[in-house]
C-alpha atoms as a PDB file:
ATOM      1  CA  MET A   1       0.000   0.000   0.000  1.00  0.00           C
ATOM      2  CA  SER A   2       1.332   3.407  -1.007  1.00  0.00           C
ATOM      3  CA  TRP A   3       1.829   6.223   1.472  1.00  0.00           C
ATOM      4  CA  ARG A   4      -1.043   8.145  -0.091  1.00  0.00           C
ATOM      5  CA  SER A   5      -3.430   5.282   0.567  1.00  0.00           C
ATOM      6  CA  ARG A   6      -2.251   5.071   4.158  1.00  0.00           C
ATOM      7  CA  VAL A   7      -2.829   8.817   4.667  1.00  0.00           C
ATOM      8  CA  ARG A   8      -6.290   8.573   3.146  1.00  0.00           C
ATOM      9  CA  THR A   9      -7.195   5.674   5.441  1.00  0.00           C
ATOM     10  CA  SER A  10      -5.917   7.541   8.527  1.00  0.00           C
ATOM     11  CA  LEU A  11      -8.029  10.587   7.664  1.00  0.00           C
ATOM     12  CA  VAL A  12     -11.127   8.420   7.366  1.00  0.00           C
ATOM     13  CA  TYR A  13     -10.450   6.918  10.817  1.00  0.00           C
ATOM     14  CA  LEU A  14      -9.872  10.390  12.325  1.00  0.00           C
ATOM     15  CA  VAL A  15     -13.080  11.800  10.885  1.00  0.00           C
ATOM     16  CA  SER A  16     -14.985   8.791  12.158  1.00  0.00           C
ATOM     17  CA  ILE A  17     -13.593   9.230  15.686  1.00  0.00           C
ATOM     18  CA  VAL A  18     -14.448  12.977  15.787  1.00  0.00           C
ATOM     19  CA  ALA A  19     -17.948  12.318  14.474  1.00  0.00           C
ATOM     20  CA  GLY A  20     -18.418   9.624  17.078  1.00  0.00           C
ATOM     21  CA  PHE A  21     -17.468  11.968  19.916  1.00  0.00           C
ATOM     22  CA  ALA A  22     -19.809  14.691  18.593  1.00  0.00           C
ATOM     23  CA  LEU A  23     -22.677  12.237  18.310  1.00  0.00           C
ATOM     24  CA  ALA A  24     -22.058  10.947  21.813  1.00  0.00           C
ATOM     25  CA  TYR A  25     -22.077  14.543  23.228  1.00  0.00           C
ATOM     26  CA  LEU A  26     -25.387  15.311  21.537  1.00  0.00           C
ATOM     27  CA  VAL A  27     -26.919  12.080  22.822  1.00  0.00           C
ATOM     28  CA  VAL A  28     -25.839  12.895  26.400  1.00  0.00           C
ATOM     29  CA  ALA A  29     -27.118  16.471  26.099  1.00  0.00           C
ATOM     30  CA  PHE A  30     -30.552  15.343  24.936  1.00  0.00           C
ATOM     31  CA  VAL A  31     -30.777  12.614  27.590  1.00  0.00           C
ATOM     32  CA  VAL A  32     -29.749  14.858  30.513  1.00  0.00           C
ATOM     33  CA  PHE A  33     -31.885  17.799  29.311  1.00  0.00           C
ATOM     34  CA  PRO A  34     -35.183  16.362  28.026  1.00  0.00           C
ATOM     35  CA  ALA A  35     -36.255  19.642  26.488  1.00  0.00           C
ATOM     36  CA  GLY A  36     -33.263  19.449  24.249  1.00  0.00           C
ATOM     37  CA  VAL A  37     -31.940  22.784  25.465  1.00  0.00           C
ATOM     38  CA  VAL A  38     -28.427  23.095  26.724  1.00  0.00           C
ATOM     39  CA  PRO A  39     -28.515  25.378  29.820  1.00  0.00           C
ATOM     40  CA  ARG A  40     -27.197  28.880  29.343  1.00  0.00           C
ATOM     41  CA  ASP A  41     -26.948  32.081  31.401  1.00  0.00           C
ATOM     42  CA  VAL A  42     -29.049  35.117  30.437  1.00  0.00           C
ATOM     43  CA  LYS A  43     -29.590  38.552  31.974  1.00  0.00           C
ATOM     44  CA  VAL A  44     -32.439  38.963  34.453  1.00  0.00           C
ATOM     45  CA  PRO A  45     -34.820  41.680  33.149  1.00  0.00           C
ATOM     46  CA  ASN A  46     -35.736  44.683  35.287  1.00  0.00           C
ATOM     47  CA  VAL A  47     -39.325  44.289  36.513  1.00  0.00           C
ATOM     48  CA  THR A  48     -39.311  46.705  39.480  1.00  0.00           C
ATOM     49  CA  GLY A  49     -42.200  49.159  39.325  1.00  0.00           C
ATOM     50  CA  LEU A  50     -44.417  46.726  37.392  1.00  0.00           C
ATOM     51  CA  MET A  51     -47.517  45.042  38.768  1.00  0.00           C
ATOM     52  CA  PHE A  52     -46.819  41.466  39.853  1.00  0.00           C
ATOM     53  CA  ASP A  53     -48.788  39.840  36.999  1.00  0.00           C
ATOM     54  CA  GLU A  54     -46.980  41.896  34.351  1.00  0.00           C
ATOM     55  CA  ALA A  55     -43.603  41.203  35.993  1.00  0.00           C
ATOM     56  CA  GLU A  56     -44.355  37.487  36.079  1.00  0.00           C
ATOM     57  CA  GLN A  57     -45.185  37.517  32.371  1.00  0.00           C
ATOM     58  CA  ARG A  58     -42.014  39.399  31.452  1.00  0.00           C
ATOM     59  CA  LEU A  59     -39.824  37.050  33.469  1.00  0.00           C
ATOM     60  CA  SER A  60     -41.510  34.034  31.880  1.00  0.00           C
ATOM     61  CA  GLN A  61     -40.757  35.406  28.411  1.00  0.00           C
ATOM     62  CA  ALA A  62     -37.094  35.678  29.431  1.00  0.00           C
ATOM     63  CA  GLY A  63     -37.069  32.073  30.672  1.00  0.00           C
ATOM     64  CA  PHE A  64     -37.420  32.675  34.436  1.00  0.00           C
ATOM     65  CA  LYS A  65     -40.004  31.821  37.069  1.00  0.00           C
ATOM     66  CA  ALA A  66     -41.541  34.527  39.293  1.00  0.00           C
ATOM     67  CA  GLU A  67     -42.093  33.986  43.004  1.00  0.00           C
ATOM     68  CA  GLN A  68     -43.878  36.416  45.333  1.00  0.00           C
ATOM     69  CA  GLY A  69     -41.764  37.248  48.362  1.00  0.00           C
ATOM     70  CA  GLU A  70     -42.210  39.742  51.184  1.00  0.00           C
ATOM     71  CA  GLN A  71     -45.100  42.209  51.147  1.00  0.00           C
ATOM     72  CA  ARG A  72     -44.413  45.715  52.494  1.00  0.00           C
ATOM     73  CA  TYR A  73     -46.758  48.646  53.138  1.00  0.00           C
ATOM     74  CA  ASN A  74     -45.906  51.536  50.851  1.00  0.00           C
ATOM     75  CA  ASN A  75     -47.870  54.790  50.569  1.00  0.00           C
ATOM     76  CA  SER A  76     -46.499  55.717  47.139  1.00  0.00           C
ATOM     77  CA  SER A  77     -46.914  52.357  45.346  1.00  0.00           C
ATOM     78  CA  PRO A  78     -50.245  50.635  44.630  1.00  0.00           C
ATOM     79  CA  LYS A  79     -50.811  47.213  46.106  1.00  0.00           C
ATOM     80  CA  MET A  80     -48.911  44.356  44.341  1.00  0.00           C
ATOM     81  CA  THR A  81     -46.400  46.707  42.700  1.00  0.00           C
ATOM     82  CA  VAL A  82     -42.905  45.135  42.545  1.00  0.00           C
ATOM     83  CA  LEU A  83     -40.585  47.026  44.907  1.00  0.00           C
ATOM     84  CA  GLU A  84     -37.485  44.827  44.720  1.00  0.00           C
ATOM     85  CA  GLN A  85     -36.302  41.691  42.944  1.00  0.00           C
ATOM     86  CA  SER A  86     -33.732  39.031  43.709  1.00  0.00           C
ATOM     87  CA  PRO A  87     -31.527  38.333  41.746  1.00  0.00           C
ATOM     88  CA  PRO A  88     -31.233  42.022  40.819  1.00  0.00           C
ATOM     89  CA  PRO A  89     -31.752  43.347  37.279  1.00  0.00           C
ATOM     90  CA  GLY A  90     -28.872  42.580  34.914  1.00  0.00           C
ATOM     91  CA  ALA A  91     -27.591  39.557  36.863  1.00  0.00           C
ATOM     92  CA  ARG A  92     -26.783  36.534  34.709  1.00  0.00           C
ATOM     93  CA  GLU A  93     -28.736  33.480  35.770  1.00  0.00           C
ATOM     94  CA  GLY A  94     -29.545  30.121  34.314  1.00  0.00           C
ATOM     95  CA  VAL A  95     -32.718  29.808  32.303  1.00  0.00           C
ATOM     96  CA  GLY A  96     -35.496  28.347  34.449  1.00  0.00           C
ATOM     97  CA  ASN A  97     -34.213  29.883  37.694  1.00  0.00           C
ATOM     98  CA  THR A  98     -36.604  31.622  40.101  1.00  0.00           C
ATOM     99  CA  VAL A  99     -36.703  35.394  40.647  1.00  0.00           C
ATOM    100  CA  THR A 100     -38.192  36.456  44.003  1.00  0.00           C
ATOM    101  CA  LEU A 101     -40.267  39.644  43.917  1.00  0.00           C
ATOM    102  CA  THR A 102     -40.940  41.893  46.918  1.00  0.00           C
ATOM    103  CA  VAL A 103     -44.320  43.587  46.406  1.00  0.00           C
ATOM    104  CA  SER A 104     -46.182  46.544  47.890  1.00  0.00           C
ATOM    105  CA  GLY A 105     -49.003  45.995  50.360  1.00  0.00           C
ATOM    106  CA  GLY A 106     -50.417  49.433  49.550  1.00  0.00           C
ATOM    107  CA  GLN A 107     -51.265  51.981  52.223  1.00  0.00           C
ATOM    108  CA  ARG A 108     -51.766  50.912  55.838  1.00  0.00           C
ATOM    109  CA  LEU A 109     -54.723  52.815  57.284  1.00  0.00           C
ATOM    110  CA  THR A 110     -55.371  53.245  60.979  1.00  0.00           C
ATOM    111  CA  SER A 111     -57.263  55.547  63.345  1.00  0.00           C
ATOM    112  CA  VAL A 112     -55.623  58.560  64.970  1.00  0.00           C
ATOM    113  CA  PRO A 113     -55.385  57.658  68.683  1.00  0.00           C
ATOM    114  CA  THR A 114     -56.915  59.817  71.417  1.00  0.00           C
ATOM    115  CA  VAL A 115     -54.186  61.731  73.248  1.00  0.00           C
ATOM    116  CA  THR A 116     -56.242  64.613  74.674  1.00  0.00           C
ATOM    117  CA  GLY A 117     -55.481  65.290  78.321  1.00  0.00           C
ATOM    118  CA  MET A 118     -51.907  63.987  77.993  1.00  0.00           C
ATOM    119  CA  SER A 119     -48.792  66.073  78.317  1.00  0.00           C
ATOM    120  CA  ARG A 120     -47.009  66.959  75.109  1.00  0.00           C
ATOM    121  CA  ALA A 121     -44.227  64.420  75.783  1.00  0.00           C
ATOM    122  CA  ASP A 122     -46.641  61.580  76.576  1.00  0.00           C
ATOM    123  CA  ALA A 123     -48.780  62.346  73.527  1.00  0.00           C
ATOM    124  CA  GLN A 124     -45.731  62.363  71.256  1.00  0.00           C
ATOM    125  CA  ALA A 125     -44.549  59.018  72.650  1.00  0.00           C
ATOM    126  CA  ALA A 126     -48.006  57.472  72.147  1.00  0.00           C
ATOM    127  CA  LEU A 127     -48.209  58.689  68.545  1.00  0.00           C
ATOM    128  CA  GLU A 128     -44.692  57.583  67.620  1.00  0.00           C
ATOM    129  CA  LYS A 129     -45.348  54.145  69.115  1.00  0.00           C
ATOM    130  CA  GLN A 130     -48.088  53.654  66.519  1.00  0.00           C
ATOM    131  CA  GLY A 131     -45.910  54.824  63.634  1.00  0.00           C
ATOM    132  CA  PHE A 132     -46.937  58.493  63.413  1.00  0.00           C
ATOM    133  CA  ASP A 133     -44.733  61.579  63.284  1.00  0.00           C
ATOM    134  CA  VAL A 134     -45.546  64.666  65.347  1.00  0.00           C
ATOM    135  CA  GLY A 135     -45.810  67.808  63.231  1.00  0.00           C
ATOM    136  CA  ASP A 136     -46.748  71.374  64.158  1.00  0.00           C
ATOM    137  CA  VAL A 137     -47.501  72.084  67.822  1.00  0.00           C
ATOM    138  CA  THR A 138     -49.770  75.093  68.378  1.00  0.00           C
ATOM    139  CA  GLU A 139     -51.344  76.662  71.450  1.00  0.00           C
ATOM    140  CA  SER A 140     -54.953  77.657  71.991  1.00  0.00           C
ATOM    141  CA  PRO A 141     -56.550  79.406  75.000  1.00  0.00           C
ATOM    142  CA  SER A 142     -58.388  76.824  77.089  1.00  0.00           C
ATOM    143  CA  ASN A 143     -59.696  76.141  80.567  1.00  0.00           C
ATOM    144  CA  ALA A 144     -57.856  72.794  80.486  1.00  0.00           C
ATOM    145  CA  ALA A 145     -54.608  72.322  82.389  1.00  0.00           C
ATOM    146  CA  GLN A 146     -51.891  74.413  80.803  1.00  0.00           C
ATOM    147  CA  GLY A 147     -49.547  72.396  78.564  1.00  0.00           C
ATOM    148  CA  THR A 148     -51.921  69.461  78.052  1.00  0.00           C
ATOM    149  CA  VAL A 149     -53.150  68.315  74.647  1.00  0.00           C
ATOM    150  CA  ILE A 150     -56.667  69.548  73.850  1.00  0.00           C
ATOM    151  CA  ALA A 151     -56.889  68.416  70.203  1.00  0.00           C
ATOM    152  CA  THR A 152     -55.034  66.771  67.314  1.00  0.00           C
ATOM    153  CA  ARG A 153     -54.968  67.507  63.587  1.00  0.00           C
ATOM    154  CA  PRO A 154     -56.385  65.287  62.077  1.00  0.00           C
ATOM    155  CA  ALA A 155     -58.854  64.689  64.920  1.00  0.00           C
ATOM    156  CA  ALA A 156     -58.855  61.536  67.027  1.00  0.00           C
ATOM    157  CA  GLY A 157     -60.580  58.647  65.238  1.00  0.00           C
ATOM    158  CA  ALA A 158     -59.850  59.868  61.705  1.00  0.00           C
ATOM    159  CA  GLN A 159     -58.583  57.206  59.277  1.00  0.00           C
ATOM    160  CA  VAL A 160     -55.099  58.078  57.993  1.00  0.00           C
ATOM    161  CA  SER A 161     -52.224  56.217  56.378  1.00  0.00           C
ATOM    162  CA  VAL A 162     -49.148  55.168  58.313  1.00  0.00           C
ATOM    163  CA  PRO A 163     -46.726  56.870  58.432  1.00  0.00           C
ATOM    164  CA  SER A 164     -48.490  60.255  58.664  1.00  0.00           C
ATOM    165  CA  THR A 165     -47.843  63.520  60.470  1.00  0.00           C
ATOM    166  CA  ILE A 166     -50.141  64.490  63.336  1.00  0.00           C
ATOM    167  CA  GLY A 167     -50.315  68.051  64.696  1.00  0.00           C
ATOM    168  CA  LEU A 168     -50.918  68.796  68.376  1.00  0.00           C
ATOM    169  CA  VAL A 169     -52.942  71.630  69.933  1.00  0.00           C
ATOM    170  CA  ILE A 170     -51.744  72.487  73.445  1.00  0.00           C
ATOM    171  CA  ALA A 171     -53.784  74.318  76.107  1.00  0.00           C
ATOM    172  CA  ALA A 172     -52.637  77.881  76.787  1.00  0.00           C
ATOM    173  CA  PRO A 173     -53.937  80.143  79.570  1.00  0.00           C
ATOM    174  CA  ALA A 174     -57.396  81.414  78.678  1.00  0.00           C
ATOM    175  CA  ALA A 175     -57.562  85.068  77.721  1.00  0.00           C
ATOM    176  CA  THR A 176     -58.713  87.338  80.572  1.00  0.00           C
ATOM    177  CA  VAL A 177     -62.194  88.841  80.076  1.00  0.00           C
ATOM    178  CA  ASN A 178     -64.100  91.446  82.024  1.00  0.00           C
ATOM    179  CA  MET A 179     -67.527  91.024  83.554  1.00  0.00           C
ATOM    180  CA  PRO A 180     -70.159  92.720  81.359  1.00  0.00           C
ATOM    181  CA  ASP A 181     -72.749  95.122  82.733  1.00  0.00           C
ATOM    182  CA  LEU A 182     -75.978  93.094  82.856  1.00  0.00           C
ATOM    183  CA  MET A 183     -77.982  95.387  85.120  1.00  0.00           C
ATOM    184  CA  GLY A 184     -81.559  95.934  83.914  1.00  0.00           C
ATOM    185  CA  GLN A 185     -81.338  93.240  81.219  1.00  0.00           C
ATOM    186  CA  ASN A 186     -83.792  90.379  81.012  1.00  0.00           C
ATOM    187  CA  VAL A 187     -82.370  87.279  82.698  1.00  0.00           C
ATOM    188  CA  ASP A 188     -82.581  85.195  79.494  1.00  0.00           C
ATOM    189  CA  GLY A 189     -80.628  87.822  77.530  1.00  0.00           C
ATOM    190  CA  ALA A 190     -78.051  88.024  80.323  1.00  0.00           C
ATOM    191  CA  ARG A 191     -77.615  84.241  80.240  1.00  0.00           C
ATOM    192  CA  LEU A 192     -77.054  84.378  76.467  1.00  0.00           C
ATOM    193  CA  VAL A 193     -74.328  87.036  76.848  1.00  0.00           C
ATOM    194  CA  LEU A 194     -72.522  84.910  79.442  1.00  0.00           C
ATOM    195  CA  GLN A 195     -72.895  81.796  77.288  1.00  0.00           C
ATOM    196  CA  GLN A 196     -71.238  83.562  74.352  1.00  0.00           C
ATOM    197  CA  MET A 197     -68.368  84.443  76.705  1.00  0.00           C
ATOM    198  CA  ARG A 198     -68.109  80.713  77.564  1.00  0.00           C
ATOM    199  CA  VAL A 199     -69.116  81.298  81.177  1.00  0.00           C
ATOM    200  CA  ARG A 200     -70.557  77.972  82.274  1.00  0.00           C
ATOM    201  CA  ASN A 201     -71.281  78.567  85.951  1.00  0.00           C
ATOM    202  CA  VAL A 202     -74.272  80.931  86.336  1.00  0.00           C
ATOM    203  CA  GLN A 203     -76.461  81.085  89.433  1.00  0.00           C
ATOM    204  CA  VAL A 204     -79.774  82.945  89.466  1.00  0.00           C
ATOM    205  CA  VAL A 205     -81.210  84.237  92.735  1.00  0.00           C
ATOM    206  CA  ARG A 206     -84.878  85.299  92.766  1.00  0.00           C
ATOM    207  CA  ASP A 207     -85.458  88.472  94.790  1.00  0.00           C
ATOM    208  CA  GLN A 208     -89.058  89.289  95.731  1.00  0.00           C
ATOM    209  CA  SER A 209     -88.116  92.399  97.663  1.00  0.00           C
ATOM    210  CA  SER A 210     -86.284  94.193  94.861  1.00  0.00           C
ATOM    211  CA  VAL A 211     -87.751  97.044  92.886  1.00  0.00           C
ATOM    212  CA  GLY A 212     -87.616  96.487  89.142  1.00  0.00           C
ATOM    213  CA  PRO A 213     -89.425  94.830  86.233  1.00  0.00           C
ATOM    214  CA  PRO A 214     -90.050  91.147  86.894  1.00  0.00           C
ATOM    215  CA  GLY A 215     -87.361  88.982  85.253  1.00  0.00           C
ATOM    216  CA  SER A 216     -84.786  91.784  85.072  1.00  0.00           C
ATOM    217  CA  VAL A 217     -81.301  91.682  86.568  1.00  0.00           C
ATOM    218  CA  VAL A 218     -81.127  93.913  89.658  1.00  0.00           C
ATOM    219  CA  GLY A 219     -77.768  92.711  90.972  1.00  0.00           C
ATOM    220  CA  GLN A 220     -74.695  90.843  89.747  1.00  0.00           C
ATOM    221  CA  SER A 221     -71.480  89.364  91.081  1.00  0.00           C
ATOM    222  CA  PRO A 222     -68.736  90.008  90.001  1.00  0.00           C
ATOM    223  CA  VAL A 223     -69.526  93.677  89.460  1.00  0.00           C
ATOM    224  CA  PRO A 224     -69.322  95.184  85.936  1.00  0.00           C
ATOM    225  CA  ASN A 225     -65.793  95.457  84.422  1.00  0.00           C
ATOM    226  CA  ALA A 226     -64.266  93.175  87.078  1.00  0.00           C
ATOM    227  CA  ALA A 227     -61.803  90.553  85.792  1.00  0.00           C
ATOM    228  CA  LEU A 228     -63.547  87.269  85.092  1.00  0.00           C
ATOM    229  CA  PRO A 229     -61.072  84.390  85.476  1.00  0.00           C
ATOM    230  CA  PRO A 230     -61.619  81.017  83.737  1.00  0.00           C
ATOM    231  CA  GLY A 231     -64.100  78.834  85.573  1.00  0.00           C
ATOM    232  CA  ALA A 232     -65.521  81.700  87.641  1.00  0.00           C
ATOM    233  CA  THR A 233     -69.105  81.581  88.925  1.00  0.00           C
ATOM    234  CA  VAL A 234     -71.439  84.485  88.075  1.00  0.00           C
ATOM    235  CA  THR A 235     -74.408  85.224  90.309  1.00  0.00           C
ATOM    236  CA  LEU A 236     -77.404  87.138  88.963  1.00  0.00           C
ATOM    237  CA  ARG A 237     -80.061  88.618  91.274  1.00  0.00           C
ATOM    238  CA  VAL A 238     -83.381  88.797  89.411  1.00  0.00           C
ATOM    239  CA  ALA A 239     -86.525  90.709  90.387  1.00  0.00           C
ATOM    240  CA  VAL A 240     -89.740  88.753  90.728  1.00  0.00           C
ATOM    241  CA  GLU A 241     -93.278  89.846  91.500  1.00  0.00           C
ATOM    242  CA  PRO A 242     -94.097  89.724  95.197  1.00  0.00           C
ATOM    243  CA  PRO A 243     -96.736  87.180  96.159  1.00  0.00           C
ATOM    244  CA  VAL A 244    -100.304  88.411  95.913  1.00  0.00           C
ATOM    245  CA  GLN A 245    -101.776  89.019  99.336  1.00  0.00           C
ATOM    246  CA  GLY A 246    -105.506  88.626  99.970  1.00  0.00           C
ATOM    247  CA  PRO A 247    -107.760  91.318 101.546  1.00  0.00           C
ATOM    248  CA  PRO A 248    -107.522  91.758 105.305  1.00  0.00           C
ATOM    249  CA  PRO A 249    -110.011  89.682 107.276  1.00  0.00           C
ATOM    250  CA  VAL A 250    -113.343  91.371 108.056  1.00  0.00           C
ATOM    251  CA  PRO A 251    -113.929  91.626 111.838  1.00  0.00           C
ATOM    252  CA  VAL A 252    -117.026  89.794 113.059  1.00  0.00           C
ATOM    253  CA  PRO A 253    -118.962  91.624 115.796  1.00  0.00           C
ATOM    254  CA  GLU A 254    -119.405  89.730 118.953  1.00  0.00           C
ATOM    255  CA  ARG A 255    -122.910  88.846 120.112  1.00  0.00           C
ATOM    256  CA  ALA A 256    -124.167  90.014 123.457  1.00  0.00           C
ATOM    257  CA  PRO A 257    -124.746  87.285 125.955  1.00  0.00           C
END
């Protein structure tokens, strides 16, 4: 056999061996991976900001599986919006791997607690314990103890999202007012004037011996223009008609024995 024949025979053997190895590799690949796809790494798409269903569809198109993970309350993102993803966007992962999605639970609503009557420090601690922030603190004249909370903004019981900012209204000393001159006024009109001045304690004394129109104020305490402190009691003396007296008895003459 010539050297050319031997070379030709060797080439045939070599080609046969290479083809055999290639065929064997393909057979193993198709047996190990039934789908006939050799695993490969691809980039994880960015699905943050999408609704969970849309994110799941986009990941499926890229060859990944979506899994819902932690749910967090978030005031700025509607419920089931994707907040985070793991693995992160751009990471190279094997096709068929799972991507865990952290989603929004939407806003958490709760009632504003009642903190009226508390000191400012105690009210702030109670609000912060429930996830609120304390905002503006203002003062308003009140008969309540100075420095205590008399109101909140929004008011107690209102439904608000957490976190939210709650304002406090603190009791300040009530403004000093002077006693009005009620002399000669009808008692009902005098009561109305005192009610408009937020005077709650009014006593009326009926005086049958006074001279004046029935139902009119003939005396008052405190006197006109006197300082009227918060919670003071005002006494009004009111004229009433004296009781009607009958005619004097007619004397009966005595009979002679």
